[in-house]
C-alpha atoms as a PDB file:
ATOM      1  CA  MET A   1      47.740-135.179 -47.271  1.00  0.00           C
ATOM      2  CA  LYS A   2      50.575-133.455 -48.010  1.00  0.00           C
ATOM      3  CA  GLN A   3      50.431-129.351 -47.655  1.00  0.00           C
ATOM      4  CA  TYR A   4      52.254-126.666 -49.186  1.00  0.00           C
ATOM      5  CA  THR A   5      52.913-124.011 -47.700  1.00  0.00           C
ATOM      6  CA  LEU A   6      51.247-120.020 -49.743  1.00  0.00           C
ATOM      7  CA  VAL A   7      52.894-117.576 -47.143  1.00  0.00           C
ATOM      8  CA  GLU A   8      55.725-118.801 -44.806  1.00  0.00           C
ATOM      9  CA  GLY A   9      53.878-118.924 -41.447  1.00  0.00           C
ATOM     10  CA  ALA A  10      50.527-118.226 -42.328  1.00  0.00           C
ATOM     11  CA  ILE A  11      48.489-120.556 -45.157  1.00  0.00           C
ATOM     12  CA  GLU A  12      49.899-124.465 -45.045  1.00  0.00           C
ATOM     13  CA  ALA A  13      47.157-125.572 -47.953  1.00  0.00           C
ATOM     14  CA  SER A  14      46.276-129.574 -49.225  1.00  0.00           C
ATOM     15  CA  ARG A  15      48.073-130.351 -52.481  1.00  0.00           C
ATOM     16  CA  LEU A  16      44.933-131.413 -53.959  1.00  0.00           C
ATOM     17  CA  ALA A  17      41.963-129.158 -54.049  1.00  0.00           C
ATOM     18  CA  PHE A  18      38.078-129.549 -53.790  1.00  0.00           C
ATOM     19  CA  GLY A  19      37.008-127.835 -56.868  1.00  0.00           C
ATOM     20  CA  CYS A  20      33.663-126.521 -55.609  1.00  0.00           C
ATOM     21  CA  MET A  21      32.367-125.331 -59.823  1.00  0.00           C
ATOM     22  CA  ASN A  22      29.473-128.234 -59.863  1.00  0.00           C
ATOM     23  CA  LEU A  23      28.120-128.300 -56.281  1.00  0.00           C
ATOM     24  CA  SER A  24      24.971-127.068 -57.333  1.00  0.00           C
ATOM     25  CA  ARG A  25      24.364-130.273 -59.512  1.00  0.00           C
ATOM     26  CA  LEU A  26      24.125-131.987 -56.018  1.00  0.00           C
ATOM     27  CA  HIS A  27      20.728-131.648 -55.722  1.00  0.00           C
ATOM     28  CA  ASP A  28      20.471-133.747 -52.020  1.00  0.00           C
ATOM     29  CA  ALA A  29      21.796-131.524 -49.166  1.00  0.00           C
ATOM     30  CA  ALA A  30      23.006-134.704 -47.281  1.00  0.00           C
ATOM     31  CA  GLU A  31      24.832-135.713 -49.687  1.00  0.00           C
ATOM     32  CA  ARG A  32      26.662-132.020 -50.418  1.00  0.00           C
ATOM     33  CA  GLU A  33      27.707-132.177 -46.768  1.00  0.00           C
ATOM     34  CA  ALA A  34      29.159-135.886 -46.791  1.00  0.00           C
ATOM     35  CA  LEU A  35      31.233-134.903 -49.574  1.00  0.00           C
ATOM     36  CA  ILE A  36      32.548-131.845 -47.766  1.00  0.00           C
ATOM     37  CA  GLY A  37      32.838-134.007 -44.665  1.00  0.00           C
ATOM     38  CA  SER A  38      34.469-136.404 -46.131  1.00  0.00           C
ATOM     39  CA  ALA A  39      37.676-134.413 -48.120  1.00  0.00           C
ATOM     40  CA  LEU A  40      38.332-132.748 -44.425  1.00  0.00           C
ATOM     41  CA  ASP A  41      38.715-135.934 -43.342  1.00  0.00           C
ATOM     42  CA  ILE A  42      41.038-136.828 -45.770  1.00  0.00           C
ATOM     43  CA  GLY A  43      43.213-133.770 -45.000  1.00  0.00           C
ATOM     44  CA  ILE A  44      42.010-131.599 -47.978  1.00  0.00           C
ATOM     45  CA  ASN A  45      41.260-128.431 -46.544  1.00  0.00           C
ATOM     46  CA  LEU A  46      41.617-126.077 -49.905  1.00  0.00           C
ATOM     47  CA  PHE A  47      38.409-125.438 -51.294  1.00  0.00           C
ATOM     48  CA  ASP A  48      37.611-123.213 -54.553  1.00  0.00           C
ATOM     49  CA  HIS A  49      35.116-120.921 -55.104  1.00  0.00           C
ATOM     50  CA  ALA A  50      34.463-118.405 -58.000  1.00  0.00           C
ATOM     51  CA  ASP A  51      31.144-116.004 -57.567  1.00  0.00           C
ATOM     52  CA  ILE A  52      29.976-117.454 -61.108  1.00  0.00           C
ATOM     53  CA  TYR A  53      30.050-120.963 -60.172  1.00  0.00           C
ATOM     54  CA  GLY A  54      26.570-121.653 -60.801  1.00  0.00           C
ATOM     55  CA  ALA A  55      25.193-118.094 -60.294  1.00  0.00           C
ATOM     56  CA  GLY A  56      26.407-117.915 -57.255  1.00  0.00           C
ATOM     57  CA  ALA A  57      25.152-120.945 -56.064  1.00  0.00           C
ATOM     58  CA  CYS A  58      27.476-123.077 -55.347  1.00  0.00           C
ATOM     59  CA  GLU A  59      28.957-120.531 -52.454  1.00  0.00           C
ATOM     60  CA  THR A  60      25.083-120.691 -50.912  1.00  0.00           C
ATOM     61  CA  LEU A  61      25.179-124.422 -50.805  1.00  0.00           C
ATOM     62  CA  PHE A  62      28.844-124.727 -49.241  1.00  0.00           C
ATOM     63  CA  GLY A  63      27.613-121.512 -47.009  1.00  0.00           C
ATOM     64  CA  ASP A  64      24.567-123.564 -46.003  1.00  0.00           C
ATOM     65  CA  VAL A  65      26.916-126.819 -45.141  1.00  0.00           C
ATOM     66  CA  LEU A  66      28.786-124.606 -43.136  1.00  0.00           C
ATOM     67  CA  ALA A  67      25.910-122.868 -41.229  1.00  0.00           C
ATOM     68  CA  LYS A  68      25.252-126.859 -39.750  1.00  0.00           C
ATOM     69  CA  ASN A  69      28.421-128.134 -39.030  1.00  0.00           C
ATOM     70  CA  PRO A  70      30.277-124.655 -37.889  1.00  0.00           C
ATOM     71  CA  GLY A  71      33.718-125.720 -36.683  1.00  0.00           C
ATOM     72  CA  TRP A  72      34.295-126.802 -40.331  1.00  0.00           C
ATOM     73  CA  ARG A  73      35.321-123.554 -40.910  1.00  0.00           C
ATOM     74  CA  GLU A  74      38.487-123.028 -39.282  1.00  0.00           C
ATOM     75  CA  ARG A  75      39.904-126.390 -40.697  1.00  0.00           C
ATOM     76  CA  MET A  76      39.178-124.644 -43.977  1.00  0.00           C
ATOM     77  CA  PHE A  77      41.502-122.946 -46.497  1.00  0.00           C
ATOM     78  CA  ILE A  78      39.061-121.188 -48.793  1.00  0.00           C
ATOM     79  CA  GLN A  79      39.310-119.309 -52.289  1.00  0.00           C
ATOM     80  CA  SER A  80      37.171-117.623 -54.396  1.00  0.00           C
ATOM     81  CA  LYS A  81      37.711-115.335 -57.746  1.00  0.00           C
ATOM     82  CA  CYS A  82      35.909-112.688 -59.114  1.00  0.00           C
ATOM     83  CA  GLY A  83      35.592-109.837 -62.098  1.00  0.00           C
ATOM     84  CA  ILE A  84      34.009-112.047 -65.060  1.00  0.00           C
ATOM     85  CA  ARG A  85      30.530-110.067 -65.343  1.00  0.00           C
ATOM     86  CA  PHE A  86      27.533-111.326 -67.463  1.00  0.00           C
ATOM     87  CA  ALA A  87      24.006-109.512 -68.816  1.00  0.00           C
ATOM     88  CA  GLY A  88      21.769-109.437 -66.828  1.00  0.00           C
ATOM     89  CA  ASP A  89      23.913-109.262 -63.442  1.00  0.00           C
ATOM     90  CA  THR A  90      21.140-107.654 -60.999  1.00  0.00           C
ATOM     91  CA  TYR A  91      23.406-104.231 -60.413  1.00  0.00           C
ATOM     92  CA  ASP A  92      24.843-104.664 -63.793  1.00  0.00           C
ATOM     93  CA  ASP A  93      24.184-101.400 -66.339  1.00  0.00           C
ATOM     94  CA  GLY A  94      27.226-101.967 -68.739  1.00  0.00           C
ATOM     95  CA  PRO A  95      27.712-104.149 -71.867  1.00  0.00           C
ATOM     96  CA  PRO A  96      26.836-107.968 -71.233  1.00  0.00           C
ATOM     97  CA  GLY A  97      29.990-110.891 -71.061  1.00  0.00           C
ATOM     98  CA  ARG A  98      32.894-108.600 -69.840  1.00  0.00           C
ATOM     99  CA  TYR A  99      36.012-108.418 -67.459  1.00  0.00           C
ATOM    100  CA  ASP A 100      35.195-105.915 -64.381  1.00  0.00           C
ATOM    101  CA  PHE A 101      38.325-105.227 -61.757  1.00  0.00           C
ATOM    102  CA  SER A 102      36.691-102.263 -60.630  1.00  0.00           C
ATOM    103  CA  TYR A 103      36.851-101.116 -57.148  1.00  0.00           C
ATOM    104  CA  GLU A 104      33.324-101.086 -57.111  1.00  0.00           C
ATOM    105  CA  HIS A 105      32.554-104.378 -58.436  1.00  0.00           C
ATOM    106  CA  LEU A 106      35.702-106.415 -56.865  1.00  0.00           C
ATOM    107  CA  VAL A 107      34.709-104.997 -53.249  1.00  0.00           C
ATOM    108  CA  ASN A 108      30.808-105.540 -54.308  1.00  0.00           C
ATOM    109  CA  SER A 109      32.171-109.082 -55.099  1.00  0.00           C
ATOM    110  CA  VAL A 110      33.703-109.657 -52.206  1.00  0.00           C
ATOM    111  CA  ASP A 111      30.527-108.774 -50.128  1.00  0.00           C
ATOM    112  CA  GLY A 112      28.449-110.908 -51.795  1.00  0.00           C
ATOM    113  CA  ILE A 113      30.875-114.280 -51.505  1.00  0.00           C
ATOM    114  CA  LEU A 114      30.982-113.798 -47.690  1.00  0.00           C
ATOM    115  CA  GLN A 115      27.497-113.153 -47.718  1.00  0.00           C
ATOM    116  CA  ARG A 116      26.817-116.557 -49.442  1.00  0.00           C
ATOM    117  CA  LEU A 117      29.639-118.399 -47.696  1.00  0.00           C
ATOM    118  CA  ARG A 118      28.716-117.463 -44.772  1.00  0.00           C
ATOM    119  CA  VAL A 119      32.417-116.669 -43.271  1.00  0.00           C
ATOM    120  CA  ASP A 120      33.421-113.330 -42.653  1.00  0.00           C
ATOM    121  CA  HIS A 121      36.858-113.676 -44.927  1.00  0.00           C
ATOM    122  CA  LEU A 122      38.634-115.024 -47.663  1.00  0.00           C
ATOM    123  CA  ASP A 123      41.670-116.834 -46.678  1.00  0.00           C
ATOM    124  CA  LEU A 124      42.566-116.090 -50.819  1.00  0.00           C
ATOM    125  CA  LEU A 125      40.959-113.753 -53.694  1.00  0.00           C
ATOM    126  CA  LEU A 126      42.167-114.299 -56.969  1.00  0.00           C
ATOM    127  CA  LEU A 127      41.012-112.276 -60.317  1.00  0.00           C
ATOM    128  CA  HIS A 128      39.499-114.371 -62.623  1.00  0.00           C
ATOM    129  CA  ARG A 129      41.171-114.708 -65.686  1.00  0.00           C
ATOM    130  CA  PRO A 130      42.684-111.321 -66.870  1.00  0.00           C
ATOM    131  CA  ASP A 131      41.603-108.218 -68.149  1.00  0.00           C
ATOM    132  CA  LEU A 132      43.724-106.142 -70.150  1.00  0.00           C
ATOM    133  CA  LEU A 133      42.168-103.018 -70.463  1.00  0.00           C
ATOM    134  CA  MET A 134      42.245-103.418 -66.048  1.00  0.00           C
ATOM    135  CA  GLU A 135      43.179-100.250 -64.119  1.00  0.00           C
ATOM    136  CA  THR A 136      45.819-101.602 -61.732  1.00  0.00           C
ATOM    137  CA  ASP A 137      45.408 -98.506 -59.269  1.00  0.00           C
ATOM    138  CA  GLU A 138      41.614 -99.185 -58.756  1.00  0.00           C
ATOM    139  CA  VAL A 139      42.575-103.328 -58.040  1.00  0.00           C
ATOM    140  CA  ALA A 140      45.295-101.783 -55.996  1.00  0.00           C
ATOM    141  CA  ARG A 141      42.990 -99.834 -54.057  1.00  0.00           C
ATOM    142  CA  ALA A 142      40.517-102.418 -53.709  1.00  0.00           C
ATOM    143  CA  PHE A 143      42.808-105.086 -52.345  1.00  0.00           C
ATOM    144  CA  ASP A 144      44.610-102.568 -49.568  1.00  0.00           C
ATOM    145  CA  ASP A 145      40.545-102.122 -48.327  1.00  0.00           C
ATOM    146  CA  LEU A 146      39.740-105.030 -48.613  1.00  0.00           C
ATOM    147  CA  SER A 147      43.002-106.239 -46.797  1.00  0.00           C
ATOM    148  CA  ALA A 148      42.237-103.195 -43.920  1.00  0.00           C
ATOM    149  CA  ALA A 149      38.947-104.711 -43.461  1.00  0.00           C
ATOM    150  CA  GLY A 150      39.966-108.263 -42.506  1.00  0.00           C
ATOM    151  CA  LYS A 151      37.551-109.292 -45.557  1.00  0.00           C
ATOM    152  CA  VAL A 152      40.905-110.781 -47.473  1.00  0.00           C
ATOM    153  CA  ARG A 153      43.716-111.932 -46.167  1.00  0.00           C
ATOM    154  CA  PHE A 154      45.906-112.917 -49.537  1.00  0.00           C
ATOM    155  CA  PHE A 155      45.483-112.458 -53.325  1.00  0.00           C
ATOM    156  CA  GLY A 156      46.675-113.753 -56.350  1.00  0.00           C
ATOM    157  CA  VAL A 157      45.402-114.507 -59.753  1.00  0.00           C
ATOM    158  CA  SER A 158      44.129-116.765 -62.394  1.00  0.00           C
ATOM    159  CA  ASN A 159      45.764-117.288 -65.838  1.00  0.00           C
ATOM    160  CA  PHE A 160      47.764-114.413 -66.097  1.00  0.00           C
ATOM    161  CA  ASP A 161      50.673-114.594 -68.038  1.00  0.00           C
ATOM    162  CA  GLY A 162      54.153-113.415 -66.506  1.00  0.00           C
ATOM    163  CA  ALA A 163      54.208-110.045 -67.456  1.00  0.00           C
ATOM    164  CA  GLN A 164      50.285-109.364 -66.285  1.00  0.00           C
ATOM    165  CA  ILE A 165      50.960-110.435 -62.953  1.00  0.00           C
ATOM    166  CA  GLU A 166      54.646-108.221 -62.702  1.00  0.00           C
ATOM    167  CA  LEU A 167      52.584-105.143 -64.042  1.00  0.00           C
ATOM    168  CA  LEU A 168      49.978-105.969 -61.681  1.00  0.00           C
ATOM    169  CA  SER A 169      52.096-106.878 -58.533  1.00  0.00           C
ATOM    170  CA  LYS A 170      53.975-103.496 -59.000  1.00  0.00           C
ATOM    171  CA  ALA A 171      51.267-101.628 -58.467  1.00  0.00           C
ATOM    172  CA  VAL A 172      49.457-103.461 -55.936  1.00  0.00           C
ATOM    173  CA  GLY A 173      52.490-103.303 -53.874  1.00  0.00           C
ATOM    174  CA  ARG A 174      52.058-107.151 -52.451  1.00  0.00           C
ATOM    175  CA  ARG A 175      52.801-110.529 -53.154  1.00  0.00           C
ATOM    176  CA  LEU A 176      50.115-111.965 -55.236  1.00  0.00           C
ATOM    177  CA  VAL A 177      50.626-115.562 -53.816  1.00  0.00           C
ATOM    178  CA  VAL A 178      48.917-117.873 -56.480  1.00  0.00           C
ATOM    179  CA  ASN A 179      48.233-118.155 -60.041  1.00  0.00           C
ATOM    180  CA  GLN A 180      45.756-120.897 -60.603  1.00  0.00           C
ATOM    181  CA  VAL A 181      46.186-121.911 -63.796  1.00  0.00           C
ATOM    182  CA  GLN A 182      43.720-124.002 -66.686  1.00  0.00           C
ATOM    183  CA  LEU A 183      45.753-126.243 -67.704  1.00  0.00           C
ATOM    184  CA  SER A 184      45.711-129.326 -70.349  1.00  0.00           C
ATOM    185  CA  LEU A 185      46.123-130.921 -73.647  1.00  0.00           C
ATOM    186  CA  MET A 186      43.617-128.509 -74.529  1.00  0.00           C
ATOM    187  CA  HIS A 187      44.365-125.871 -73.052  1.00  0.00           C
ATOM    188  CA  ALA A 188      48.324-125.115 -72.931  1.00  0.00           C
ATOM    189  CA  GLN A 189      48.870-121.238 -74.165  1.00  0.00           C
ATOM    190  CA  LEU A 190      50.697-121.087 -70.467  1.00  0.00           C
ATOM    191  CA  ILE A 191      53.418-123.295 -71.469  1.00  0.00           C
ATOM    192  CA  ALA A 192      53.485-121.971 -75.314  1.00  0.00           C
ATOM    193  CA  GLN A 193      53.955-118.292 -74.388  1.00  0.00           C
ATOM    194  CA  GLY A 194      56.479-119.409 -71.873  1.00  0.00           C
ATOM    195  CA  ALA A 195      54.251-118.970 -68.448  1.00  0.00           C
ATOM    196  CA  ARG A 196      57.016-118.124 -64.967  1.00  0.00           C
END
């Protein structure tokens, strides 16, 4: 499997990712373990999560596999995403169905992700889709604290356009290493907008 460098001397990730969005649909623990192990065996080391995948269940199930195979973590590049909130979140007192890039939500989300995955750090944290009302200083403070605590190595975004990336990059004062985009014939907005 070909690898590519996200950050010089720091991250080598496989060109193909193992998307964990539907991991909770596999009801057999042995099947989940076999799939993840097979991905590693063929050189796929990039595992993509989000705290909303299966309402956190996908990360929990992945963490169960890691608990049974503790040596696998050092062979993996694990990324997760956060920032989308749904109605009924257990600690939610705001309006339903919104983005939340507040300091508190980002830090709490990462703590939950790490607990569910049973790991001590993420290799990459992405903001899950752009929030046009984000307070960039809140994001910057969260990134700084998560980095200083050793909980997240690098940061990126998901489905941001060029202007949004530029605005956020200036505020956080660090390189955003990834913009993970949804791209298909049905989802070509970024091309239509002239993504850079």
